[in-house]
């Protein structure tokens, strides 16, 4: 039972729950960005290349179409798909940068707690001791 209690304590700690929530939100955000890139950015860039941006590829070896109409034996570099994922990554990285920058800016605005009142300095204490000894 000790190990089960230890695991429960670990699993419900605030930081772990925060990480889990962040992970789920990040996955949902990634879906939004992928949809944005695939549905808006790629078609606009595709207008420039006169093709679907995600389908851009450099064919290294021609393939052949079989009886079912499926391409077989083709070897190609799928650079359009790679560029789409690169755009996704850049958007996510930029948004995360802006979020962290905002959080850091908010942390700087927090005023530090007032310093505890300082006691007498070393010189003041020595002078007080000297005066007490002089009275005796």
C-alpha atoms as a PDB file:
ATOM      1  CA  UNK A   1       0.000   0.000   0.000  1.00  0.00           C
ATOM      2  CA  UNK A   2       2.932   2.350   0.580  1.00  0.00           C
ATOM      3  CA  UNK A   3       3.863   2.414  -3.096  1.00  0.00           C
ATOM      4  CA  UNK A   4       0.246   3.050  -4.146  1.00  0.00           C
ATOM      5  CA  UNK A   5       0.017   6.010  -1.749  1.00  0.00           C
ATOM      6  CA  UNK A   6       3.350   7.321  -3.033  1.00  0.00           C
ATOM      7  CA  UNK A   7       2.103   7.099  -6.621  1.00  0.00           C
ATOM      8  CA  UNK A   8      -1.158   8.867  -5.714  1.00  0.00           C
ATOM      9  CA  UNK A   9       0.770  11.684  -4.019  1.00  0.00           C
ATOM     10  CA  UNK A  10       3.000  12.001  -7.092  1.00  0.00           C
ATOM     11  CA  UNK A  11       0.124  11.921  -9.588  1.00  0.00           C
ATOM     12  CA  UNK A  12      -1.980  14.592  -7.927  1.00  0.00           C
ATOM     13  CA  UNK A  13       0.791  17.091  -7.289  1.00  0.00           C
ATOM     14  CA  UNK A  14      -0.011  20.463  -8.801  1.00  0.00           C
ATOM     15  CA  UNK A  15       2.930  20.539 -11.188  1.00  0.00           C
ATOM     16  CA  UNK A  16       2.106  17.189 -12.749  1.00  0.00           C
ATOM     17  CA  UNK A  17      -1.531  18.160 -13.227  1.00  0.00           C
ATOM     18  CA  UNK A  18      -0.429  21.480 -14.760  1.00  0.00           C
ATOM     19  CA  UNK A  19       1.851  19.614 -17.172  1.00  0.00           C
ATOM     20  CA  UNK A  20      -0.972  17.273 -18.164  1.00  0.00           C
ATOM     21  CA  UNK A  21      -3.342  20.187 -18.808  1.00  0.00           C
ATOM     22  CA  UNK A  22      -0.644  21.949 -20.824  1.00  0.00           C
ATOM     23  CA  UNK A  23      -0.013  18.812 -22.859  1.00  0.00           C
ATOM     24  CA  UNK A  24      -3.702  18.410 -23.718  1.00  0.00           C
ATOM     25  CA  UNK A  25      -4.032  22.093 -24.609  1.00  0.00           C
ATOM     26  CA  UNK A  26      -0.861  21.890 -26.704  1.00  0.00           C
ATOM     27  CA  UNK A  27      -2.216  18.919 -28.638  1.00  0.00           C
ATOM     28  CA  UNK A  28      -5.475  20.784 -29.290  1.00  0.00           C
ATOM     29  CA  UNK A  29      -3.555  23.895 -30.334  1.00  0.00           C
ATOM     30  CA  UNK A  30      -1.432  21.801 -32.690  1.00  0.00           C
ATOM     31  CA  UNK A  31      -4.634  20.575 -34.375  1.00  0.00           C
ATOM     32  CA  UNK A  32      -5.806  24.156 -34.838  1.00  0.00           C
ATOM     33  CA  UNK A  33      -2.459  25.183 -36.327  1.00  0.00           C
ATOM     34  CA  UNK A  34      -2.384  22.145 -38.634  1.00  0.00           C
ATOM     35  CA  UNK A  35      -5.883  22.988 -39.824  1.00  0.00           C
ATOM     36  CA  UNK A  36      -4.888  26.630 -40.355  1.00  0.00           C
ATOM     37  CA  UNK A  37      -1.785  25.669 -42.305  1.00  0.00           C
ATOM     38  CA  UNK A  38      -3.486  22.975 -44.375  1.00  0.00           C
ATOM     39  CA  UNK A  39      -6.704  24.874 -45.024  1.00  0.00           C
ATOM     40  CA  UNK A  40      -5.516  28.473 -45.394  1.00  0.00           C
ATOM     41  CA  UNK A  41      -1.747  28.831 -45.758  1.00  0.00           C
ATOM     42  CA  UNK A  42      -1.112  25.875 -48.089  1.00  0.00           C
ATOM     43  CA  UNK A  43      -3.804  26.825 -50.636  1.00  0.00           C
ATOM     44  CA  UNK A  44      -2.514  30.406 -50.750  1.00  0.00           C
ATOM     45  CA  UNK A  45       1.045  29.232 -51.318  1.00  0.00           C
ATOM     46  CA  UNK A  46      -0.313  26.634 -53.747  1.00  0.00           C
ATOM     47  CA  UNK A  47      -1.632  29.480 -55.890  1.00  0.00           C
ATOM     48  CA  UNK A  48       1.953  30.602 -56.387  1.00  0.00           C
ATOM     49  CA  UNK A  49       3.132  27.128 -57.429  1.00  0.00           C
ATOM     50  CA  UNK A  50      -0.089  26.358 -59.344  1.00  0.00           C
ATOM     51  CA  UNK A  51      -0.463  23.123 -57.371  1.00  0.00           C
ATOM     52  CA  UNK A  52      -1.614  21.843 -54.002  1.00  0.00           C
ATOM     53  CA  UNK A  53       1.246  22.930 -51.765  1.00  0.00           C
ATOM     54  CA  UNK A  54       1.237  19.794 -49.638  1.00  0.00           C
ATOM     55  CA  UNK A  55       1.467  17.590 -52.754  1.00  0.00           C
ATOM     56  CA  UNK A  56       4.626  19.246 -54.105  1.00  0.00           C
ATOM     57  CA  UNK A  57       7.347  16.663 -54.637  1.00  0.00           C
ATOM     58  CA  UNK A  58      10.547  16.020 -56.520  1.00  0.00           C
ATOM     59  CA  UNK A  59      10.283  12.712 -58.371  1.00  0.00           C
ATOM     60  CA  UNK A  60      13.546  10.789 -58.245  1.00  0.00           C
ATOM     61  CA  UNK A  61      12.250   7.694 -60.029  1.00  0.00           C
ATOM     62  CA  UNK A  62       9.081   7.450 -62.061  1.00  0.00           C
ATOM     63  CA  UNK A  63       6.571   4.858 -61.018  1.00  0.00           C
ATOM     64  CA  UNK A  64       3.819   3.124 -62.889  1.00  0.00           C
ATOM     65  CA  UNK A  65       0.075   3.030 -62.419  1.00  0.00           C
ATOM     66  CA  UNK A  66      -1.318  -0.436 -61.721  1.00  0.00           C
ATOM     67  CA  UNK A  67      -4.724  -1.773 -62.792  1.00  0.00           C
ATOM     68  CA  UNK A  68      -6.392  -0.317 -59.682  1.00  0.00           C
ATOM     69  CA  UNK A  69      -5.110   3.162 -60.586  1.00  0.00           C
ATOM     70  CA  UNK A  70      -2.598   3.255 -57.737  1.00  0.00           C
ATOM     71  CA  UNK A  71       0.939   4.583 -58.290  1.00  0.00           C
ATOM     72  CA  UNK A  72       3.608   1.962 -57.510  1.00  0.00           C
ATOM     73  CA  UNK A  73       7.375   2.112 -57.597  1.00  0.00           C
ATOM     74  CA  UNK A  74       7.616   5.907 -57.462  1.00  0.00           C
ATOM     75  CA  UNK A  75      10.447   7.391 -55.390  1.00  0.00           C
ATOM     76  CA  UNK A  76       9.955  11.051 -54.543  1.00  0.00           C
ATOM     77  CA  UNK A  77      11.039  13.708 -52.070  1.00  0.00           C
ATOM     78  CA  UNK A  78       7.857  15.130 -50.509  1.00  0.00           C
ATOM     79  CA  UNK A  79       9.170  18.631 -49.898  1.00  0.00           C
ATOM     80  CA  UNK A  80       5.698  20.216 -49.920  1.00  0.00           C
ATOM     81  CA  UNK A  81       4.606  18.122 -46.943  1.00  0.00           C
ATOM     82  CA  UNK A  82       7.888  18.897 -45.184  1.00  0.00           C
ATOM     83  CA  UNK A  83       7.418  22.638 -45.736  1.00  0.00           C
ATOM     84  CA  UNK A  84       3.850  22.403 -44.433  1.00  0.00           C
ATOM     85  CA  UNK A  85       5.068  20.795 -41.206  1.00  0.00           C
ATOM     86  CA  UNK A  86       7.865  23.358 -40.989  1.00  0.00           C
ATOM     87  CA  UNK A  87       5.287  26.157 -41.183  1.00  0.00           C
ATOM     88  CA  UNK A  88       3.212  24.382 -38.493  1.00  0.00           C
ATOM     89  CA  UNK A  89       6.261  24.172 -36.240  1.00  0.00           C
ATOM     90  CA  UNK A  90       7.165  27.821 -36.803  1.00  0.00           C
ATOM     91  CA  UNK A  91       3.656  28.987 -35.925  1.00  0.00           C
ATOM     92  CA  UNK A  92       3.527  26.854 -32.757  1.00  0.00           C
ATOM     93  CA  UNK A  93       7.033  27.920 -31.708  1.00  0.00           C
ATOM     94  CA  UNK A  94       6.204  31.608 -32.243  1.00  0.00           C
ATOM     95  CA  UNK A  95       2.974  31.398 -30.256  1.00  0.00           C
ATOM     96  CA  UNK A  96       4.745  29.564 -27.413  1.00  0.00           C
ATOM     97  CA  UNK A  97       7.486  32.230 -27.470  1.00  0.00           C
ATOM     98  CA  UNK A  98       4.874  34.975 -27.168  1.00  0.00           C
ATOM     99  CA  UNK A  99       3.120  33.160 -24.293  1.00  0.00           C
ATOM    100  CA  UNK A 100       6.388  32.675 -22.373  1.00  0.00           C
ATOM    101  CA  UNK A 101       7.377  36.278 -23.058  1.00  0.00           C
ATOM    102  CA  UNK A 102       4.029  37.461 -21.647  1.00  0.00           C
ATOM    103  CA  UNK A 103       4.378  35.261 -18.569  1.00  0.00           C
ATOM    104  CA  UNK A 104       7.910  36.535 -17.941  1.00  0.00           C
ATOM    105  CA  UNK A 105       6.727  40.125 -18.329  1.00  0.00           C
ATOM    106  CA  UNK A 106       3.964  39.537 -15.770  1.00  0.00           C
ATOM    107  CA  UNK A 107       6.463  38.011 -13.347  1.00  0.00           C
ATOM    108  CA  UNK A 108       8.702  41.085 -13.593  1.00  0.00           C
ATOM    109  CA  UNK A 109       5.783  43.350 -12.699  1.00  0.00           C
ATOM    110  CA  UNK A 110       5.258  41.560  -9.418  1.00  0.00           C
ATOM    111  CA  UNK A 111       6.809  43.695  -6.734  1.00  0.00           C
ATOM    112  CA  UNK A 112       9.190  41.921  -4.404  1.00  0.00           C
ATOM    113  CA  UNK A 113       8.172  41.610  -0.784  1.00  0.00           C
ATOM    114  CA  UNK A 114       9.438  44.493   1.324  1.00  0.00           C
ATOM    115  CA  UNK A 115      12.729  43.739   2.981  1.00  0.00           C
ATOM    116  CA  UNK A 116      12.647  42.935   6.663  1.00  0.00           C
ATOM    117  CA  UNK A 117      13.699  45.889   8.772  1.00  0.00           C
ATOM    118  CA  UNK A 118      17.402  45.766   9.341  1.00  0.00           C
ATOM    119  CA  UNK A 119      18.823  45.712  12.815  1.00  0.00           C
ATOM    120  CA  UNK A 120      21.616  47.928  14.001  1.00  0.00           C
ATOM    121  CA  UNK A 121      24.871  47.796  12.082  1.00  0.00           C
ATOM    122  CA  UNK A 122      28.003  46.182  13.449  1.00  0.00           C
ATOM    123  CA  UNK A 123      29.477  49.584  14.270  1.00  0.00           C
ATOM    124  CA  UNK A 124      26.339  50.612  16.188  1.00  0.00           C
ATOM    125  CA  UNK A 125      26.432  47.390  18.241  1.00  0.00           C
ATOM    126  CA  UNK A 126      30.119  47.863  19.058  1.00  0.00           C
ATOM    127  CA  UNK A 127      29.491  51.464  20.086  1.00  0.00           C
ATOM    128  CA  UNK A 128      26.629  50.345  22.344  1.00  0.00           C
ATOM    129  CA  UNK A 129      28.839  47.679  23.968  1.00  0.00           C
ATOM    130  CA  UNK A 130      31.598  50.267  24.450  1.00  0.00           C
ATOM    131  CA  UNK A 131      29.189  52.696  26.117  1.00  0.00           C
ATOM    132  CA  UNK A 132      27.829  49.938  28.437  1.00  0.00           C
ATOM    133  CA  UNK A 133      31.352  48.934  29.447  1.00  0.00           C
ATOM    134  CA  UNK A 134      32.298  52.590  30.038  1.00  0.00           C
ATOM    135  CA  UNK A 135      29.397  53.005  32.521  1.00  0.00           C
ATOM    136  CA  UNK A 136      30.636  50.182  34.744  1.00  0.00           C
END
